Amino acid sequence: MSAIFKREMKMYFSSMIGYVFIAFFVLVTAIYFSLLNILSLSPQFEYVFSSVIMMFLILAPILTMRLLSEETKQKTDQLLLTSPVSVTGIVLGKFFAASAVFLIALLITAIFPIILSVYGTIATAQIIGSYVGFFLLGNCFIAVGLWISSMTDNQIVSAVATFVAVFLLLMVETIVSSASGNLTFSLMFAVVVALLIALYFYNNTKDKGISACIFVVEAAILAVLYFKKPGVFYGLAGNFAYMFAVLTRYNNFAMGIFDIGSVVYFISFICVFLYFTVRVIEKRRWA
């Protein structure tokens, strides 16, 4: 894993991606710091991170779009897969390399709250919490981007798909909460989930018949529930969305609340998508 980590770090900075990422992150953070703290005479630095969260729409694709898609395109993935490094080690090495670049950028911005502390009193707990939460949140998006990168050999496709995935994760609560009280919306949501389950079976079995039968059975069950017990669908979309409510967990940190449950959630979220990535690569390896 360490060899993969060193290789990726070298590629990040030799290709200038690492420098571009760090420069862009620090520049945008500095702009918000100037607007929200210096010009407004406010010591609440945690508002800066809350304002720059949407940067992940650009930053996550930049960090992850080439991690595995470029390996597949250049056929160098075959060299990795035949090396004495496990698939898990390869995935972890690439993940930690991207995470390290993000951490470097994050640590550079630590100079901003230090400047604030020189001229006044700062909310230390909220600022530390914001840094911890922001780092964990960023790693969630990196894990998602790495998984998407493993499924394509096109960097552009990987970048666009990661952009969409991050956008949905950032907006899922807002989108679902605005319509989750609608019974029809909840039913449509359940149908989409049923379709995704059927597609998952097709992706693993390549059997259209079995996949179609699974979807038909699921649709029949949903139809019976809809007419017999429609109350089952109320709140269904909202409860499902809460599983991906990354911003809700981050807000706990921004308020200075070090919630162990939120830490476990972020780590579990990251591990799940790293596991998905490992499974994608192993499937390709034995295909």
Protein backbone atom coordinates (compact mmCIF):
# COMPACT_ATOMS: atom_id res chain seq x y z
CA MET A 1 0.00 0.00 0.00
CA SER A 2 2.82 2.40 0.85
CA ALA A 3 4.34 1.93 -2.62
CA ILE A 4 1.02 2.82 -4.25
CA PHE A 5 0.66 5.82 -1.92
CA LYS A 6 4.13 7.16 -2.85
CA ARG A 7 3.49 6.53 -6.54
CA GLU A 8 0.20 8.43 -6.47
CA MET A 9 1.63 11.35 -4.49
CA LYS A 10 4.45 11.63 -7.02
CA MET A 11 1.96 11.58 -9.91
CA TYR A 12 -0.24 14.21 -8.25
CA PHE A 13 2.56 16.72 -8.02
CA SER A 14 4.44 15.78 -11.20
CA SER A 15 1.22 16.31 -13.17
CA MET A 16 0.54 19.59 -11.33
CA ILE A 17 -2.90 18.35 -10.23
CA GLY A 18 -1.84 18.48 -6.60
CA TYR A 19 -0.57 22.05 -6.91
CA VAL A 20 -3.68 23.18 -8.78
CA PHE A 21 -5.95 21.58 -6.19
CA ILE A 22 -4.13 23.11 -3.23
CA ALA A 23 -3.88 26.55 -4.85
CA PHE A 24 -7.56 26.60 -5.80
CA PHE A 25 -8.71 25.41 -2.38
CA VAL A 26 -6.58 27.89 -0.45
CA LEU A 27 -7.50 30.77 -2.80
CA VAL A 28 -11.26 30.25 -2.48
CA THR A 29 -10.99 29.75 1.28
CA ALA A 30 -8.93 32.95 1.55
CA ILE A 31 -11.57 34.88 -0.40
CA TYR A 32 -14.35 33.72 1.93
CA PHE A 33 -12.11 34.36 4.95
CA SER A 34 -11.61 37.94 3.79
CA LEU A 35 -15.33 38.46 3.18
CA LEU A 36 -16.79 36.69 6.21
CA ASN A 37 -14.13 37.41 8.83
CA ILE A 38 -11.83 40.30 7.91
CA LEU A 39 -14.28 42.68 6.22
CA SER A 40 -17.18 41.68 8.47
CA LEU A 41 -15.04 41.81 11.63
CA SER A 42 -16.33 38.39 12.66
CA PRO A 43 -14.28 35.78 14.60
CA GLN A 44 -16.50 32.87 13.49
CA PHE A 45 -14.23 31.05 11.06
CA GLU A 46 -16.54 28.02 10.96
CA TYR A 47 -18.80 29.99 8.61
CA VAL A 48 -16.03 29.92 6.01
CA PHE A 49 -16.12 26.13 5.67
CA SER A 50 -19.91 26.14 5.61
CA SER A 51 -19.70 28.55 2.67
CA VAL A 52 -17.05 26.67 0.67
CA ILE A 53 -18.62 23.21 0.93
CA MET A 54 -19.97 23.56 -2.62
CA MET A 55 -16.33 23.61 -3.77
CA PHE A 56 -16.40 19.84 -3.46
CA LEU A 57 -18.41 19.79 -6.69
CA ILE A 58 -15.15 20.74 -8.43
CA LEU A 59 -12.53 19.51 -5.98
CA ALA A 60 -13.72 15.90 -5.70
CA PRO A 61 -13.64 15.31 -9.50
CA ILE A 62 -10.20 16.97 -9.74
CA LEU A 63 -8.76 14.64 -7.12
CA THR A 64 -10.35 11.39 -8.22
CA MET A 65 -11.13 11.47 -11.94
CA ARG A 66 -7.82 9.94 -13.01
CA LEU A 67 -7.07 7.65 -10.07
CA LEU A 68 -8.35 4.43 -11.64
CA SER A 69 -9.91 5.49 -14.95
CA GLU A 70 -6.50 6.53 -16.32
CA GLU A 71 -4.99 3.22 -15.18
CA THR A 72 -7.68 1.37 -17.14
CA LYS A 73 -7.25 3.55 -20.22
CA GLN A 74 -3.45 3.20 -20.27
CA LYS A 75 -3.69 -0.54 -19.43
CA THR A 76 -1.36 0.03 -16.47
CA ASP A 77 -4.04 -1.47 -14.23
CA GLN A 78 -2.83 -4.88 -15.40
CA LEU A 79 0.61 -4.11 -13.98
CA LEU A 80 -0.94 -3.12 -10.66
CA LEU A 81 -3.12 -6.20 -10.50
CA THR A 82 -0.15 -8.50 -11.14
CA SER A 83 2.05 -6.70 -8.61
CA PRO A 84 2.59 -8.16 -5.09
CA VAL A 85 0.03 -5.69 -3.73
CA SER A 86 -3.51 -6.75 -2.92
CA VAL A 87 -6.48 -5.04 -4.55
CA THR A 88 -7.39 -3.61 -1.15
CA GLY A 89 -3.87 -2.22 -0.84
CA ILE A 90 -4.12 -0.59 -4.27
CA VAL A 91 -7.44 1.05 -3.43
CA LEU A 92 -6.28 2.21 0.00
CA GLY A 93 -3.02 3.57 -1.41
CA LYS A 94 -4.87 5.68 -3.99
CA PHE A 95 -7.47 6.80 -1.45
CA PHE A 96 -4.90 7.88 1.12
CA ALA A 97 -2.88 9.71 -1.54
CA ALA A 98 -5.92 11.79 -2.54
CA SER A 99 -6.78 12.27 1.13
CA ALA A 100 -3.22 13.45 1.86
CA VAL A 101 -3.37 16.11 -0.86
CA PHE A 102 -6.68 17.32 0.58
CA LEU A 103 -5.20 17.35 4.09
CA ILE A 104 -2.22 19.43 2.96
CA ALA A 105 -4.56 22.03 1.48
CA LEU A 106 -6.67 21.99 4.64
CA LEU A 107 -3.66 22.44 6.94
CA ILE A 108 -2.45 25.46 4.97
CA THR A 109 -5.75 27.21 5.67
CA ALA A 110 -5.11 26.78 9.42
CA ILE A 111 -3.20 30.05 9.20
CA PHE A 112 -6.53 31.91 8.90
CA PRO A 113 -7.95 31.08 12.35
CA ILE A 114 -4.46 31.68 13.80
CA ILE A 115 -4.61 35.20 12.37
CA LEU A 116 -8.02 35.68 13.97
CA SER A 117 -6.75 34.48 17.33
CA VAL A 118 -4.06 37.17 17.31
CA TYR A 119 -6.63 39.96 17.09
CA GLY A 120 -9.45 38.53 19.19
CA THR A 121 -11.11 35.55 20.84
CA ILE A 122 -12.14 32.66 18.61
CA ALA A 123 -14.50 29.71 19.17
CA THR A 124 -11.81 27.04 19.32
CA ALA A 125 -14.19 24.08 19.67
CA GLN A 126 -16.25 25.10 16.63
CA ILE A 127 -13.16 25.73 14.52
CA ILE A 128 -11.51 22.42 15.42
CA GLY A 129 -14.82 20.66 14.89
CA SER A 130 -15.21 22.32 11.50
CA TYR A 131 -11.75 21.14 10.44
CA VAL A 132 -12.37 17.56 11.59
CA GLY A 133 -15.85 17.44 10.03
CA PHE A 134 -14.69 19.06 6.80
CA PHE A 135 -11.85 16.56 6.47
CA LEU A 136 -14.18 13.61 7.05
CA LEU A 137 -16.76 15.05 4.65
CA GLY A 138 -14.11 15.53 1.97
CA ASN A 139 -12.93 11.96 2.39
CA CYS A 140 -16.49 10.72 1.85
CA PHE A 141 -16.58 12.50 -1.51
CA ILE A 142 -13.11 11.19 -2.38
CA ALA A 143 -14.27 7.63 -1.66
CA VAL A 144 -17.31 8.12 -3.90
CA GLY A 145 -15.16 9.64 -6.67
CA LEU A 146 -12.67 6.77 -6.44
CA TRP A 147 -15.50 4.24 -6.80
CA ILE A 148 -16.84 6.05 -9.87
CA SER A 149 -13.33 6.27 -11.33
CA SER A 150 -13.02 2.48 -11.04
CA MET A 151 -16.02 1.94 -13.30
CA THR A 152 -14.84 3.86 -16.39
CA ASP A 153 -11.72 4.41 -18.47
CA ASN A 154 -12.69 7.97 -19.37
CA GLN A 155 -11.57 10.79 -17.07
CA ILE A 156 -14.25 13.16 -18.34
CA VAL A 157 -17.01 10.66 -17.66
CA SER A 158 -15.54 10.02 -14.22
CA ALA A 159 -15.37 13.76 -13.45
CA VAL A 160 -18.95 14.45 -14.61
CA ALA A 161 -20.35 11.43 -12.75
CA THR A 162 -18.51 12.44 -9.58
CA PHE A 163 -19.84 15.99 -9.93
CA VAL A 164 -23.40 14.63 -10.15
CA ALA A 165 -22.88 12.23 -7.24
CA VAL A 166 -21.46 14.95 -4.97
CA PHE A 167 -24.27 17.30 -5.96
CA LEU A 168 -26.88 14.68 -5.06
CA LEU A 169 -25.19 13.99 -1.72
CA LEU A 170 -25.15 17.70 -0.92
CA MET A 171 -28.73 18.27 -2.01
CA VAL A 172 -30.43 14.94 -1.21
CA GLU A 173 -32.06 16.16 1.98
CA THR A 174 -33.38 19.32 0.36
CA ILE A 175 -34.71 17.48 -2.69
CA VAL A 176 -36.37 14.68 -0.77
CA SER A 177 -37.75 16.75 2.13
CA SER A 178 -39.58 19.02 -0.30
CA ALA A 179 -41.56 16.11 -1.71
CA SER A 180 -41.29 13.28 0.81
CA GLY A 181 -44.79 14.00 2.14
CA ASN A 182 -46.25 13.22 -1.28
CA LEU A 183 -47.44 9.61 -1.50
CA THR A 184 -46.90 9.44 -5.27
CA PHE A 185 -43.33 10.69 -4.90
CA SER A 186 -42.62 8.04 -2.26
CA LEU A 187 -44.03 5.34 -4.55
CA MET A 188 -41.91 6.55 -7.47
CA PHE A 189 -38.89 6.57 -5.19
CA ALA A 190 -39.58 2.96 -4.15
CA VAL A 191 -39.91 1.94 -7.82
CA VAL A 192 -36.55 3.55 -8.62
CA VAL A 193 -34.91 1.66 -5.74
CA ALA A 194 -36.49 -1.59 -6.98
CA LEU A 195 -35.15 -0.91 -10.48
CA LEU A 196 -31.65 -0.26 -9.10
CA ILE A 197 -31.78 -3.56 -7.23
CA ALA A 198 -32.75 -5.38 -10.42
CA LEU A 199 -29.96 -3.64 -12.33
CA TYR A 200 -27.51 -4.67 -9.62
CA PHE A 201 -28.50 -8.32 -10.10
CA TYR A 202 -28.17 -7.94 -13.87
CA ASN A 203 -24.73 -6.38 -13.48
CA ASN A 204 -23.60 -9.39 -11.45
CA THR A 205 -25.36 -12.17 -13.34
CA LYS A 206 -25.81 -10.74 -16.86
CA ASP A 207 -29.11 -12.65 -16.90
CA LYS A 208 -31.89 -10.44 -18.24
CA GLY A 209 -34.58 -12.99 -17.37
CA ILE A 210 -33.72 -13.24 -13.68
CA SER A 211 -33.29 -9.49 -13.38
CA ALA A 212 -36.64 -8.85 -15.08
CA CYS A 213 -38.37 -11.38 -12.80
CA ILE A 214 -36.86 -9.72 -9.73
CA PHE A 215 -38.15 -6.33 -10.84
CA VAL A 216 -41.63 -7.72 -11.61
CA VAL A 217 -41.82 -9.32 -8.15
CA GLU A 218 -40.67 -6.09 -6.52
CA ALA A 219 -43.22 -4.06 -8.52
CA ALA A 220 -46.01 -6.47 -7.54
CA ILE A 221 -45.09 -6.20 -3.85
CA LEU A 222 -45.03 -2.38 -4.10
CA ALA A 223 -48.42 -2.37 -5.84
CA VAL A 224 -50.00 -4.53 -3.13
CA LEU A 225 -48.53 -2.34 -0.38
CA TYR A 226 -49.65 0.82 -2.16
CA PHE A 227 -53.30 -0.29 -2.26
CA LYS A 228 -53.42 -2.24 1.01
CA LYS A 229 -51.09 -0.28 3.30
CA PRO A 230 -50.24 3.10 1.73
CA GLY A 231 -48.98 4.34 5.08
CA VAL A 232 -45.83 2.26 4.55
CA PHE A 233 -44.67 4.77 1.93
CA TYR A 234 -45.02 7.88 4.09
CA GLY A 235 -41.58 9.09 5.08
CA LEU A 236 -39.88 6.30 3.11
CA ALA A 237 -37.90 8.65 0.87
CA GLY A 238 -36.96 10.87 3.80
CA ASN A 239 -35.69 7.95 5.88
CA PHE A 240 -33.64 6.67 2.96
CA ALA A 241 -32.24 10.14 2.30
CA TYR A 242 -31.11 10.41 5.91
CA MET A 243 -28.73 7.50 5.27
CA PHE A 244 -26.86 9.83 2.88
CA ALA A 245 -27.30 13.02 4.90
CA VAL A 246 -23.62 13.91 5.03
CA LEU A 247 -24.29 17.60 5.61
CA THR A 248 -26.41 16.92 8.70
CA ARG A 249 -23.50 15.05 10.28
CA TYR A 250 -21.05 17.77 9.27
CA ASN A 251 -23.22 20.46 10.88
CA ASN A 252 -22.73 18.74 14.24
CA PHE A 253 -18.98 19.29 13.95
CA ALA A 254 -19.44 22.89 12.79
CA MET A 255 -21.34 23.58 16.02
CA GLY A 256 -18.48 22.17 18.07
CA ILE A 257 -20.30 18.90 18.83
CA PHE A 258 -17.91 15.94 18.60
CA ASP A 259 -20.55 13.28 18.03
CA ILE A 260 -19.07 9.78 18.02
CA GLY A 261 -22.07 8.61 16.00
CA SER A 262 -21.22 11.08 13.23
CA VAL A 263 -17.58 9.95 13.22
CA VAL A 264 -18.68 6.31 12.93
CA TYR A 265 -21.09 7.30 10.15
CA PHE A 266 -18.39 9.05 8.10
CA ILE A 267 -15.89 6.22 8.56
CA SER A 268 -18.56 3.64 7.66
CA PHE A 269 -19.58 5.67 4.59
CA ILE A 270 -15.95 5.78 3.42
CA CYS A 271 -15.38 2.06 4.07
CA VAL A 272 -18.53 1.07 2.16
CA PHE A 273 -17.50 2.92 -0.99
CA LEU A 274 -13.92 1.68 -0.73
CA TYR A 275 -15.36 -1.84 -0.51
CA PHE A 276 -17.46 -1.16 -3.61
CA THR A 277 -14.30 -0.02 -5.40
CA VAL A 278 -12.43 -3.17 -4.41
CA ARG A 279 -15.33 -5.30 -5.67
CA VAL A 280 -15.38 -3.49 -9.04
CA ILE A 281 -11.65 -4.04 -9.54
CA GLU A 282 -11.76 -7.68 -8.43
CA LYS A 283 -14.64 -8.36 -10.82
CA ARG A 284 -12.67 -6.83 -13.69
CA ARG A 285 -9.59 -8.76 -12.63
CA TRP A 286 -11.30 -12.14 -12.94
CA ALA A 287 -13.50 -11.23 -15.93
